[in-house]
Amino acid sequence: MSQTIDLHQYENLSPFEIKDELIKLAQKESRKSTLPYLNAGRGNPNWIATKAREAFFLLGQFAMTEAQRDRNEPQVGLAGMPQGPGSYTRLKSYCAASEGVNAPPGAKTLAAVVDFAIKKFGFDPDAFVLELTDGIVGDHYPMPDRCLEHNEAIVHEFIMWAMCAGHKPDAKFDIYAVEGGTAAMCYIFKSLKNQRLLNAGDTIALATPIFTPYLEMPELEDYSLNVVHVSSEEEDHFQLTDEDLEALADPNVKALFMVNPGNPSAVAMSQEALARLVNFVKTRRPDLIILTDDVYGTFVPNFESVMGHLPANTIGVYSYSKYFGCTGWRLGTILVAEDNIFDKMIADAPTEVKSVVEARYTTLSPDPSKMKFIDRIVADSRDVALNHTAGLSLPQQVMMTLFSLVELMDDDKAYQAFCRGILEHRFTELVEGLGIDVPENPLFDRYYGIIDFEFWLRKYVGEEVVDWIKENVHPLDISFKLAQDHGIVLLNGSGFDAPNWSARVSFANLDDSAYRQIGRAVRAVAAGYVQAYRASKGLPLHG
């Protein structure tokens, strides 16, 4: 492979761009051989959560009857808008009429989640149902623009379970419902810059390995940030050590950005590492900004987010995409504690800085100084001038509401256990295909995995082989060999600031049987390197 393609031309590309070339090679190999094309390079799950979706689509039909109650012009296909008074009773009757042998999917779920929410959160029944019907019809701009009132209460409760089940904070968080984790990243970066909390030339720390965009965005001309890598190694079970944290002692390091559980390491922070970070921030860096992206936390039982331990310092990001199989829905959240360091930093900024920043929001408030940081994120997400049309679309927020409620009602967490079982089985298949032993790790979410050739060859073959590979094999050769010789797409680990001679595998998006084959193919590539080493030394190819 490396003899026919100049791999140096791909060194500066994102792994998500290299992926396109790998796909072409893998598909070509699959067409000319009997090997199936297997793309484990992207983490879109191949399952979906059904109960909330069934309730959503039935709710849509009910909402149309509500709109037609207000006004109905069937000859031209026009209706009015859903109205609140009596809507709860009508919804219950609608669901009850749908019960029986021929009941459409979702009737029982819809009735149950509405009653559950009303009881748990003390909602006014008609007001809550109106938010659902008006929202699913999508006939108004979002109001409040940050997050619908009932949706915010529900999402807050869900995220406290999903992100802080192992350690719930006393803090209350404000939530901005956004178009997936992608939008959350863009909005947060923009607002940190606009509030002068991060300026061009400032230094931030990245807890690596990390999702590639966090490596790439700081380097954009828009931000021009300096970056230090706080690297967690496999030898330390991908946990930050005291030595790692020393990089944050420098007051010039303004922020720490992290993904927890890691992508691609797929390991959550341990209680010991969290305690280490909490103590460090409280005693040495109480001004440290922390951004934690916790999308994979739901795959770790009793997951503990940094925002549960350091709520005042932390901006939380959570996306519904992976857990509920809804990447196409674009459902995400930004969370900022009501009591936070960001509002304090903005208030304590030098007068000349405050005057420039506050001038940005003079069209939104007679006293912009009182605008909270999270509301500034909302305004910045629409370049301020379009703040009046900010907010996640209402049908998306209704879907978010229903996903959250169905999960909150699942006392046994059967859905979570089943999802984790899928990933665990696929992981086992891969490991058996590789022919190696991997110790059990309760912090491992198994959504992704890093296959670290250097680490495993050092363990199973020896240091000399590793040294030879590092001198003679381009790090991208692993991914390209898998594509061209085996029809398999794995992203290069180096693109995530993981070890150079490594590859990332997703356990979410292929059938179970594919992973044993991937394991065997990876093992064959590794064996090929060992044989090349032995040949270069004049040694027997096997032995």
Protein backbone atom coordinates (compact mmCIF):
# COMPACT_ATOMS: atom_id res chain seq x y z
CA MET A 1 0.00 0.00 0.00
CA SER A 2 2.62 2.52 1.10
CA GLN A 3 4.66 1.77 -2.05
CA THR A 4 1.86 2.90 -4.38
CA ILE A 5 0.40 5.92 -2.57
CA ASP A 6 2.32 8.87 -1.20
CA LEU A 7 0.88 8.97 2.31
CA HIS A 8 2.64 12.23 3.14
CA GLN A 9 0.03 14.12 1.11
CA TYR A 10 -2.62 13.17 3.70
CA GLU A 11 -0.65 14.12 6.83
CA ASN A 12 -2.35 17.47 7.40
CA LEU A 13 -5.88 16.33 6.60
CA SER A 14 -8.59 15.67 9.14
CA PRO A 15 -9.25 11.93 9.56
CA PHE A 16 -12.81 12.66 8.41
CA GLU A 17 -11.37 13.87 5.09
CA ILE A 18 -8.91 10.98 4.81
CA LYS A 19 -11.93 8.76 5.35
CA ASP A 20 -13.26 9.62 1.88
CA GLU A 21 -10.11 8.23 0.24
CA LEU A 22 -10.22 5.15 2.47
CA ILE A 23 -13.84 4.52 1.49
CA LYS A 24 -12.92 4.57 -2.21
CA LEU A 25 -10.11 2.09 -1.68
CA ALA A 26 -12.18 -0.20 0.54
CA GLN A 27 -15.12 -0.24 -1.87
CA LYS A 28 -12.75 -0.99 -4.74
CA GLU A 29 -11.25 -3.92 -2.82
CA SER A 30 -14.70 -5.19 -1.93
CA ARG A 31 -15.83 -5.14 -5.57
CA LYS A 32 -12.82 -7.08 -6.82
CA SER A 33 -12.82 -9.69 -4.03
CA THR A 34 -15.30 -11.64 -1.93
CA LEU A 35 -14.64 -9.44 1.07
CA PRO A 36 -17.53 -7.29 2.35
CA TYR A 37 -17.06 -3.54 2.54
CA LEU A 38 -16.95 -2.63 6.23
CA ASN A 39 -16.89 1.03 7.27
CA ALA A 40 -16.24 1.28 11.01
CA GLY A 41 -14.91 4.79 10.62
CA ARG A 42 -17.96 6.72 11.71
CA GLY A 43 -19.96 6.48 14.91
CA ASN A 44 -23.53 6.69 13.64
CA PRO A 45 -25.33 3.92 15.58
CA ASN A 46 -27.24 1.31 13.58
CA TRP A 47 -30.12 1.24 16.06
CA ILE A 48 -32.87 3.69 17.01
CA ALA A 49 -34.99 4.30 20.09
CA THR A 50 -38.57 3.49 19.05
CA LYS A 51 -40.95 4.36 21.90
CA ALA A 52 -40.42 8.12 21.86
CA ARG A 53 -40.61 8.18 18.07
CA GLU A 54 -43.89 6.27 18.05
CA ALA A 55 -45.31 8.73 20.56
CA PHE A 56 -43.99 11.64 18.50
CA PHE A 57 -45.70 10.60 15.29
CA LEU A 58 -49.00 9.89 17.03
CA LEU A 59 -48.74 13.23 18.82
CA GLY A 60 -48.40 14.89 15.44
CA GLN A 61 -51.69 13.41 14.31
CA PHE A 62 -53.41 14.55 17.49
CA ALA A 63 -51.94 18.03 17.10
CA MET A 64 -53.53 18.28 13.66
CA THR A 65 -56.95 17.59 15.16
CA GLU A 66 -56.23 20.33 17.71
CA ALA A 67 -55.34 22.80 14.97
CA GLN A 68 -58.48 21.88 13.03
CA ARG A 69 -60.62 22.47 16.11
CA ASP A 70 -59.52 26.10 15.98
CA ARG A 71 -60.22 26.48 12.26
CA ASN A 72 -60.64 23.99 9.46
CA GLU A 73 -60.71 24.72 5.75
CA PRO A 74 -60.29 21.23 4.26
CA GLN A 75 -61.04 22.38 0.71
CA VAL A 76 -57.78 24.36 0.66
CA GLY A 77 -55.83 22.44 3.31
CA LEU A 78 -55.77 25.19 5.94
CA ALA A 79 -56.19 24.98 9.70
CA GLY A 80 -55.80 27.20 12.74
CA MET A 81 -53.50 26.75 15.69
CA PRO A 82 -53.72 24.34 18.63
CA GLN A 83 -55.37 25.86 21.68
CA GLY A 84 -54.67 25.08 25.33
CA PRO A 85 -57.98 24.91 27.25
CA GLY A 86 -59.17 21.30 27.54
CA SER A 87 -56.24 19.96 25.50
CA TYR A 88 -55.09 17.50 28.18
CA THR A 89 -58.52 15.85 28.41
CA ARG A 90 -58.76 15.66 24.64
CA LEU A 91 -55.30 14.08 24.39
CA LYS A 92 -56.19 11.44 26.98
CA SER A 93 -59.42 10.65 25.13
CA TYR A 94 -57.54 10.49 21.83
CA CYS A 95 -55.02 8.00 23.23
CA ALA A 96 -57.75 5.93 24.94
CA ALA A 97 -59.71 5.72 21.69
CA SER A 98 -56.55 4.41 20.04
CA GLU A 99 -56.17 1.51 22.46
CA GLY A 100 -57.12 -2.03 21.63
CA VAL A 101 -56.10 -4.62 19.06
CA ASN A 102 -55.68 -2.08 16.28
CA ALA A 103 -54.04 0.61 18.43
CA PRO A 104 -51.39 2.59 16.57
CA PRO A 105 -47.87 2.47 17.98
CA GLY A 106 -47.25 5.09 20.61
CA ALA A 107 -50.73 5.50 22.16
CA LYS A 108 -49.85 4.03 25.55
CA THR A 109 -46.44 5.66 25.60
CA LEU A 110 -47.81 9.11 24.76
CA ALA A 111 -50.49 8.98 27.46
CA ALA A 112 -48.03 7.61 30.00
CA VAL A 113 -45.24 10.16 29.43
CA VAL A 114 -47.67 13.09 29.60
CA ASP A 115 -49.08 11.92 32.92
CA PHE A 116 -45.59 11.13 34.20
CA ALA A 117 -44.35 14.64 33.40
CA ILE A 118 -47.39 16.37 34.89
CA LYS A 119 -47.01 14.44 38.15
CA LYS A 120 -43.22 14.62 38.43
CA PHE A 121 -42.78 18.28 37.53
CA GLY A 122 -46.10 19.69 38.70
CA PHE A 123 -47.01 20.97 35.24
CA ASP A 124 -50.36 22.50 34.44
CA PRO A 125 -51.83 19.75 32.21
CA ASP A 126 -53.27 21.98 29.49
CA ALA A 127 -50.20 24.21 29.37
CA PHE A 128 -47.89 21.22 28.95
CA VAL A 129 -50.02 19.60 26.25
CA LEU A 130 -50.22 22.93 24.42
CA GLU A 131 -46.42 23.13 24.39
CA LEU A 132 -46.37 19.67 22.83
CA THR A 133 -49.08 20.26 20.22
CA ASP A 134 -48.04 23.77 19.29
CA GLY A 135 -44.43 22.62 19.23
CA ILE A 136 -44.91 19.61 17.02
CA VAL A 137 -46.96 21.66 14.56
CA GLY A 138 -44.15 24.23 14.54
CA ASP A 139 -46.39 27.27 14.05
CA HIS A 140 -44.44 29.70 16.28
CA TYR A 141 -40.89 30.86 16.81
CA PRO A 142 -39.29 29.27 19.89
CA MET A 143 -40.32 31.15 23.03
CA PRO A 144 -38.39 31.33 25.26
CA ASP A 145 -35.73 31.21 22.57
CA ARG A 146 -33.17 29.44 24.76
CA CYS A 147 -35.38 26.45 25.56
CA LEU A 148 -39.12 25.85 25.94
CA GLU A 149 -40.23 26.08 29.56
CA HIS A 150 -41.48 22.53 30.06
CA ASN A 151 -38.80 21.06 27.84
CA GLU A 152 -36.05 22.70 29.88
CA ALA A 153 -37.32 21.22 33.15
CA ILE A 154 -37.56 17.76 31.58
CA VAL A 155 -34.19 17.93 29.82
CA HIS A 156 -32.52 19.18 33.00
CA GLU A 157 -33.82 16.15 34.91
CA PHE A 158 -32.75 13.79 32.13
CA ILE A 159 -29.25 15.24 31.89
CA MET A 160 -28.78 15.12 35.63
CA TRP A 161 -29.38 11.37 35.29
CA ALA A 162 -27.45 10.92 32.05
CA MET A 163 -24.43 13.02 33.02
CA CYS A 164 -24.44 13.09 36.81
CA ALA A 165 -26.04 9.83 37.97
CA GLY A 166 -22.93 9.05 39.98
CA HIS A 167 -22.58 12.52 41.47
CA LYS A 168 -25.50 14.95 41.26
CA PRO A 169 -24.61 18.58 41.97
CA ASP A 170 -26.66 20.96 44.04
CA ALA A 171 -26.40 23.47 41.20
CA LYS A 172 -29.22 24.30 38.80
CA PHE A 173 -28.26 24.67 35.16
CA ASP A 174 -29.65 26.90 32.42
CA ILE A 175 -30.05 24.99 29.18
CA TYR A 176 -29.79 26.13 25.58
CA ALA A 177 -31.33 23.58 23.20
CA VAL A 178 -29.23 23.55 20.02
CA GLU A 179 -28.79 21.74 16.72
CA GLY A 180 -26.68 18.88 18.03
CA GLY A 181 -23.25 18.84 19.62
CA THR A 182 -21.82 20.35 16.44
CA ALA A 183 -23.78 23.57 16.89
CA ALA A 184 -22.94 23.60 20.58
CA MET A 185 -19.22 23.64 19.78
CA CYS A 186 -19.58 26.42 17.22
CA TYR A 187 -21.73 28.60 19.48
CA ILE A 188 -19.49 28.16 22.53
CA PHE A 189 -16.29 28.98 20.65
CA LYS A 190 -17.93 32.07 19.17
CA SER A 191 -19.26 33.36 22.48
CA LEU A 192 -16.06 32.77 24.43
CA LYS A 193 -14.39 34.97 21.84
CA ASN A 194 -17.15 37.59 21.75
CA GLN A 195 -17.13 37.96 25.56
CA ARG A 196 -13.32 38.32 25.45
CA LEU A 197 -13.05 35.30 27.72
CA LEU A 198 -10.74 33.84 25.07
CA ASN A 199 -8.79 36.12 22.77
CA ALA A 200 -6.48 35.55 19.81
CA GLY A 201 -3.13 34.46 21.14
CA ASP A 202 -4.56 33.04 24.38
CA THR A 203 -3.65 29.50 25.40
CA ILE A 204 -6.05 26.66 26.02
CA ALA A 205 -5.43 23.06 27.03
CA LEU A 206 -6.91 20.05 25.28
CA ALA A 207 -7.28 16.74 27.11
CA THR A 208 -6.05 14.43 24.37
CA PRO A 209 -6.79 12.12 22.61
CA ILE A 210 -9.84 14.16 21.62
CA PHE A 211 -12.51 14.53 18.93
CA THR A 212 -10.71 16.05 15.94
CA PRO A 213 -12.65 19.36 15.63
CA TYR A 214 -11.41 20.38 19.08
CA LEU A 215 -7.90 20.09 17.65
CA GLU A 216 -8.71 21.99 14.48
CA MET A 217 -11.03 24.83 15.56
CA PRO A 218 -8.55 26.67 17.85
CA GLU A 219 -6.15 26.97 14.90
CA LEU A 220 -8.69 28.69 12.66
CA GLU A 221 -8.11 32.35 11.88
CA ASP A 222 -11.40 33.06 13.67
CA TYR A 223 -9.84 32.11 17.03
CA SER A 224 -6.04 31.83 16.65
CA LEU A 225 -5.59 30.14 20.00
CA ASN A 226 -2.42 28.52 21.25
CA VAL A 227 -2.90 24.95 22.39
CA VAL A 228 -1.15 22.75 24.93
CA HIS A 229 -1.98 19.06 25.01
CA VAL A 230 -2.76 17.47 28.35
CA SER A 231 -2.29 13.92 27.18
CA SER A 232 -3.69 10.84 28.90
CA GLU A 233 -1.89 7.68 27.84
CA GLU A 234 -3.02 4.08 27.64
CA GLU A 235 -0.37 3.21 30.22
CA ASP A 236 -2.33 5.44 32.65
CA HIS A 237 -5.66 3.93 31.52
CA PHE A 238 -6.39 7.24 29.75
CA GLN A 239 -6.64 9.08 33.07
CA LEU A 240 -5.16 12.49 33.81
CA THR A 241 -2.34 12.26 36.32
CA ASP A 242 -0.98 14.89 38.71
CA GLU A 243 1.84 15.44 36.24
CA ASP A 244 -0.66 15.99 33.41
CA LEU A 245 -2.53 18.61 35.41
CA GLU A 246 0.63 20.63 36.05
CA ALA A 247 0.29 22.05 32.55
CA LEU A 248 -2.85 23.82 33.80
CA ALA A 249 -1.02 25.57 36.63
CA ASP A 250 0.17 28.24 34.23
CA PRO A 251 -2.33 31.13 34.55
CA ASN A 252 -1.84 31.80 30.85
CA VAL A 253 -3.79 28.59 30.19
CA LYS A 254 -7.29 30.04 30.18
CA ALA A 255 -9.38 26.92 29.51
CA LEU A 256 -9.43 23.13 29.44
CA PHE A 257 -11.49 21.44 26.72
CA MET A 258 -12.25 17.77 27.13
CA VAL A 259 -14.43 14.93 25.84
CA ASN A 260 -15.59 12.58 28.59
CA PRO A 261 -15.81 9.62 28.02
CA GLY A 262 -13.07 10.12 25.50
CA ASN A 263 -13.34 10.00 21.75
CA PRO A 264 -11.56 7.87 20.64
CA SER A 265 -10.30 6.42 23.93
CA ALA A 266 -13.91 5.65 25.05
CA VAL A 267 -12.83 5.77 28.70
CA ALA A 268 -14.61 7.92 31.29
CA MET A 269 -12.74 9.84 33.96
CA SER A 270 -12.33 7.81 37.12
CA GLN A 271 -13.44 9.06 40.52
CA GLU A 272 -9.78 9.41 41.42
CA ALA A 273 -9.00 11.53 38.34
CA LEU A 274 -12.09 13.65 38.93
CA ALA A 275 -11.10 14.24 42.54
CA ARG A 276 -7.63 15.17 41.36
CA LEU A 277 -9.00 17.71 38.88
CA VAL A 278 -11.52 19.14 41.37
CA ASN A 279 -8.86 19.65 44.02
CA PHE A 280 -6.51 21.21 41.48
CA VAL A 281 -9.12 23.70 40.23
CA LYS A 282 -10.36 24.65 43.70
CA THR A 283 -6.92 25.11 45.22
CA ARG A 284 -4.85 26.36 42.31
CA ARG A 285 -7.00 27.43 39.34
CA PRO A 286 -10.47 28.59 40.45
CA ASP A 287 -10.54 30.79 37.33
CA LEU A 288 -10.09 27.88 34.90
CA ILE A 289 -12.76 27.59 32.20
CA ILE A 290 -13.74 23.98 31.51
CA LEU A 291 -15.67 22.75 28.49
CA THR A 292 -16.77 19.12 28.76
CA ASP A 293 -18.41 17.26 25.89
CA ASP A 294 -20.15 14.25 27.45
CA VAL A 295 -22.12 12.73 24.57
CA TYR A 296 -21.00 9.16 25.37
CA GLY A 297 -21.66 9.33 29.11
CA THR A 298 -24.93 7.42 28.82
CA PHE A 299 -22.99 4.30 27.88
CA VAL A 300 -21.22 4.25 31.26
CA PRO A 301 -23.35 3.27 34.29
CA ASN A 302 -23.44 5.95 37.01
CA PHE A 303 -21.40 8.28 34.84
CA GLU A 304 -19.92 11.31 36.57
CA SER A 305 -19.46 14.47 34.50
CA VAL A 306 -17.00 17.18 35.44
CA MET A 307 -19.94 19.59 35.45
CA GLY A 308 -21.40 17.69 38.40
CA HIS A 309 -18.21 18.28 40.38
CA LEU A 310 -17.22 21.74 39.14
CA PRO A 311 -20.51 23.29 37.98
CA ALA A 312 -19.40 26.91 38.37
CA ASN A 313 -16.38 26.45 36.10
CA THR A 314 -17.94 24.20 33.49
CA ILE A 315 -19.76 24.59 30.21
CA GLY A 316 -21.48 21.27 29.53
CA VAL A 317 -22.31 19.84 26.11
CA TYR A 318 -24.60 16.88 25.58
CA SER A 319 -26.02 15.49 22.35
CA TYR A 320 -28.89 13.01 22.08
CA SER A 321 -27.53 11.67 18.80
CA LYS A 322 -25.65 8.56 19.79
CA TYR A 323 -27.73 7.18 22.64
CA PHE A 324 -31.09 7.48 20.90
CA GLY A 325 -29.85 6.83 17.37
CA CYS A 326 -30.96 10.25 16.16
CA THR A 327 -27.99 11.94 14.50
CA GLY A 328 -30.33 13.24 11.80
CA TRP A 329 -32.54 14.99 14.35
CA ARG A 330 -29.72 17.33 15.47
CA LEU A 331 -30.59 17.45 19.18
CA GLY A 332 -28.07 18.91 21.55
CA THR A 333 -27.72 21.05 24.66
CA ILE A 334 -25.42 23.63 26.16
CA LEU A 335 -25.51 23.80 29.96
CA VAL A 336 -24.24 26.60 32.21
CA ALA A 337 -24.83 26.66 35.96
CA GLU A 338 -26.89 29.58 37.26
CA ASP A 339 -23.97 30.42 39.58
CA ASN A 340 -20.89 30.43 37.35
CA ILE A 341 -17.49 32.04 36.86
CA PHE A 342 -18.34 33.27 33.35
CA ASP A 343 -20.85 35.87 34.48
CA LYS A 344 -18.36 36.98 37.14
CA MET A 345 -15.53 37.26 34.60
CA ILE A 346 -17.71 39.34 32.29
CA ALA A 347 -18.77 41.61 35.15
CA ASP A 348 -15.18 42.02 36.40
CA ALA A 349 -13.66 42.74 32.99
CA PRO A 350 -11.84 46.07 32.51
CA THR A 351 -14.12 48.99 31.71
CA GLU A 352 -12.83 49.34 28.16
CA VAL A 353 -13.51 45.66 27.48
CA LYS A 354 -16.98 45.76 29.04
CA SER A 355 -17.98 48.79 27.02
CA VAL A 356 -17.06 47.06 23.75
CA VAL A 357 -18.77 43.80 24.69
CA GLU A 358 -21.95 45.41 26.02
CA ALA A 359 -22.28 47.57 22.92
CA ARG A 360 -22.83 44.33 21.02
CA TYR A 361 -26.13 43.75 22.86
CA THR A 362 -27.60 47.25 23.15
CA THR A 363 -30.44 46.34 20.77
CA LEU A 364 -31.48 43.48 23.04
CA SER A 365 -31.52 45.04 26.48
CA PRO A 366 -31.57 48.52 28.04
CA ASP A 367 -28.88 47.19 30.39
CA PRO A 368 -26.73 44.61 28.54
CA SER A 369 -24.52 44.21 31.61
CA LYS A 370 -27.30 42.15 33.18
CA MET A 371 -27.44 39.64 30.31
CA LYS A 372 -26.29 36.20 31.47
CA PHE A 373 -23.50 34.43 29.64
CA ILE A 374 -25.81 31.71 28.35
CA ASP A 375 -28.23 34.30 26.94
CA ARG A 376 -25.30 35.92 25.19
CA ILE A 377 -24.53 32.52 23.65
CA VAL A 378 -28.09 32.43 22.34
CA ALA A 379 -27.77 35.92 20.86
CA ASP A 380 -24.35 35.21 19.37
CA SER A 381 -25.66 32.05 17.75
CA ARG A 382 -27.81 34.32 15.56
CA ASP A 383 -25.26 37.14 15.27
CA VAL A 384 -27.33 39.21 17.73
CA ALA A 385 -29.33 40.95 15.00
CA LEU A 386 -31.41 37.80 14.48
CA ASN A 387 -31.83 37.02 18.16
CA HIS A 388 -35.61 37.36 17.80
CA THR A 389 -35.62 34.20 15.68
CA ALA A 390 -33.10 32.25 17.76
CA GLY A 391 -33.72 28.82 19.23
CA LEU A 392 -33.99 25.19 18.25
CA SER A 393 -37.04 24.39 16.12
CA LEU A 394 -40.10 23.41 18.13
CA PRO A 395 -40.60 19.94 16.59
CA GLN A 396 -36.99 19.16 17.52
CA GLN A 397 -37.60 20.29 21.09
CA VAL A 398 -40.72 18.10 21.30
CA MET A 399 -38.67 15.12 20.14
CA MET A 400 -36.11 15.99 22.83
CA THR A 401 -38.90 16.12 25.42
CA LEU A 402 -40.19 12.68 24.45
CA PHE A 403 -36.77 11.03 24.33
CA SER A 404 -36.05 12.40 27.80
CA LEU A 405 -39.38 11.37 29.31
CA VAL A 406 -39.29 7.82 27.98
CA GLU A 407 -35.81 7.37 29.45
CA LEU A 408 -36.77 8.92 32.78
CA MET A 409 -39.72 6.51 33.03
CA ASP A 410 -37.47 3.51 32.43
CA ASP A 411 -36.81 2.68 36.09
CA ASP A 412 -34.92 -0.49 35.22
CA LYS A 413 -32.87 1.30 32.55
CA ALA A 414 -33.55 -1.61 30.22
CA TYR A 415 -32.82 0.47 27.11
CA GLN A 416 -29.46 1.57 28.47
CA ALA A 417 -28.51 -1.97 29.42
CA PHE A 418 -29.47 -3.29 25.98
CA CYS A 419 -27.47 -0.60 24.16
CA ARG A 420 -24.48 -1.34 26.32
CA GLY A 421 -24.93 -5.05 25.63
CA ILE A 422 -24.79 -4.43 21.88
CA LEU A 423 -21.49 -2.57 22.19
CA GLU A 424 -20.02 -5.06 24.64
CA HIS A 425 -20.76 -8.00 22.34
CA ARG A 426 -19.19 -6.26 19.35
CA PHE A 427 -16.15 -5.34 21.40
CA THR A 428 -15.76 -8.98 22.45
CA GLU A 429 -15.99 -10.08 18.82
CA LEU A 430 -13.21 -7.69 17.84
CA VAL A 431 -10.94 -8.69 20.70
CA GLU A 432 -11.38 -12.38 19.91
CA GLY A 433 -10.60 -11.65 16.27
CA LEU A 434 -7.44 -9.84 17.36
CA GLY A 435 -6.48 -12.77 19.56
CA ILE A 436 -5.52 -10.62 22.53
CA ASP A 437 -6.61 -10.20 26.13
CA VAL A 438 -8.09 -6.90 27.30
CA PRO A 439 -8.66 -6.32 31.00
CA GLU A 440 -12.17 -5.39 32.11
CA ASN A 441 -12.69 -1.67 32.64
CA PRO A 442 -16.04 -0.43 34.02
CA LEU A 443 -15.20 3.07 32.75
CA PHE A 444 -14.93 1.90 29.14
CA ASP A 445 -18.07 2.83 27.13
CA ARG A 446 -17.09 0.61 24.15
CA TYR A 447 -18.60 3.04 21.67
CA TYR A 448 -15.18 3.52 20.10
CA GLY A 449 -11.84 1.91 20.63
CA ILE A 450 -8.23 2.71 19.85
CA ILE A 451 -6.24 -0.14 18.36
CA ASP A 452 -2.75 0.93 19.35
CA PHE A 453 -0.27 -1.05 17.26
CA GLU A 454 2.71 0.38 19.07
CA PHE A 455 1.36 -0.53 22.51
CA TRP A 456 0.30 -4.05 21.61
CA LEU A 457 3.33 -4.93 19.48
CA ARG A 458 5.57 -3.76 22.29
CA LYS A 459 3.63 -6.02 24.68
CA TYR A 460 3.37 -9.11 22.48
CA VAL A 461 6.40 -8.92 20.12
CA GLY A 462 9.05 -6.63 21.49
CA GLU A 463 10.68 -3.21 21.46
CA GLU A 464 12.91 -3.88 18.44
CA VAL A 465 9.94 -4.54 16.18
CA VAL A 466 8.24 -1.37 17.37
CA ASP A 467 11.38 0.70 16.73
CA TRP A 468 11.69 -0.75 13.21
CA ILE A 469 8.03 -0.01 12.41
CA LYS A 470 8.37 3.58 13.62
CA GLU A 471 11.41 4.02 11.38
CA ASN A 472 10.01 2.31 8.28
CA VAL A 473 6.21 2.48 8.30
CA HIS A 474 4.19 5.64 7.81
CA PRO A 475 1.52 5.98 10.56
CA LEU A 476 -1.25 6.25 7.95
CA ASP A 477 -0.19 2.96 6.40
CA ILE A 478 -2.33 1.06 8.92
CA SER A 479 -5.60 2.62 7.80
CA PHE A 480 -4.68 2.50 4.11
CA LYS A 481 -3.64 -1.17 4.25
CA LEU A 482 -6.91 -2.10 5.95
CA ALA A 483 -8.85 -0.30 3.23
CA GLN A 484 -6.97 -1.55 0.18
CA ASP A 485 -6.18 -5.10 1.31
CA HIS A 486 -9.25 -5.90 3.44
CA GLY A 487 -12.08 -3.54 2.39
CA ILE A 488 -12.20 -2.08 5.92
CA VAL A 489 -12.36 1.59 6.91
CA LEU A 490 -10.89 2.63 10.27
CA LEU A 491 -9.88 6.22 10.96
CA ASN A 492 -6.26 6.98 11.77
CA GLY A 493 -5.72 7.52 15.48
CA SER A 494 -3.16 10.26 14.87
CA GLY A 495 -5.97 12.53 13.68
CA PHE A 496 -7.36 12.51 17.24
CA ASP A 497 -3.94 13.08 18.80
CA ALA A 498 -3.96 9.41 19.76
CA PRO A 499 -0.75 7.41 19.24
CA ASN A 500 0.54 7.73 15.67
CA TRP A 501 0.51 4.01 14.90
CA SER A 502 -3.09 3.45 15.88
CA ALA A 503 -6.58 3.31 14.39
CA ARG A 504 -10.03 4.16 15.74
CA VAL A 505 -12.82 1.64 15.40
CA SER A 506 -16.50 2.39 15.96
CA PHE A 507 -18.49 -0.39 17.60
CA ALA A 508 -21.80 1.33 16.90
CA ASN A 509 -22.49 1.17 13.21
CA LEU A 510 -21.89 -2.35 11.88
CA ASP A 511 -23.54 -5.72 12.41
CA ASP A 512 -22.06 -7.81 15.21
CA SER A 513 -20.45 -10.31 12.84
CA ALA A 514 -18.31 -7.61 11.21
CA TYR A 515 -16.13 -7.02 14.25
CA ARG A 516 -14.49 -10.42 14.42
CA GLN A 517 -13.53 -9.96 10.76
CA ILE A 518 -12.13 -6.51 11.52
CA GLY A 519 -10.11 -7.96 14.38
CA ARG A 520 -8.63 -10.63 12.11
CA ALA A 521 -7.78 -8.06 9.45
CA VAL A 522 -6.02 -5.81 11.95
CA ARG A 523 -4.12 -8.82 13.23
CA ALA A 524 -3.08 -9.67 9.67
CA VAL A 525 -1.77 -6.14 9.11
CA ALA A 526 0.23 -6.33 12.34
CA ALA A 527 1.60 -9.73 11.35
CA GLY A 528 2.63 -8.26 8.01
CA TYR A 529 4.70 -5.62 9.74
CA VAL A 530 6.36 -8.26 11.92
CA GLN A 531 7.18 -10.33 8.84
CA ALA A 532 8.63 -7.26 7.09
CA TYR A 533 10.80 -6.61 10.12
CA ARG A 534 12.04 -10.21 10.24
CA ALA A 535 12.77 -10.16 6.50
CA SER A 536 14.77 -6.94 6.89
CA LYS A 537 16.90 -8.65 9.54
CA GLY A 538 17.35 -11.88 7.57
CA LEU A 539 15.31 -13.79 10.13
CA PRO A 540 12.85 -16.61 9.36
CA LEU A 541 9.42 -15.13 8.61
CA HIS A 542 7.87 -17.21 11.38
CA GLY A 543 9.38 -17.85 14.72
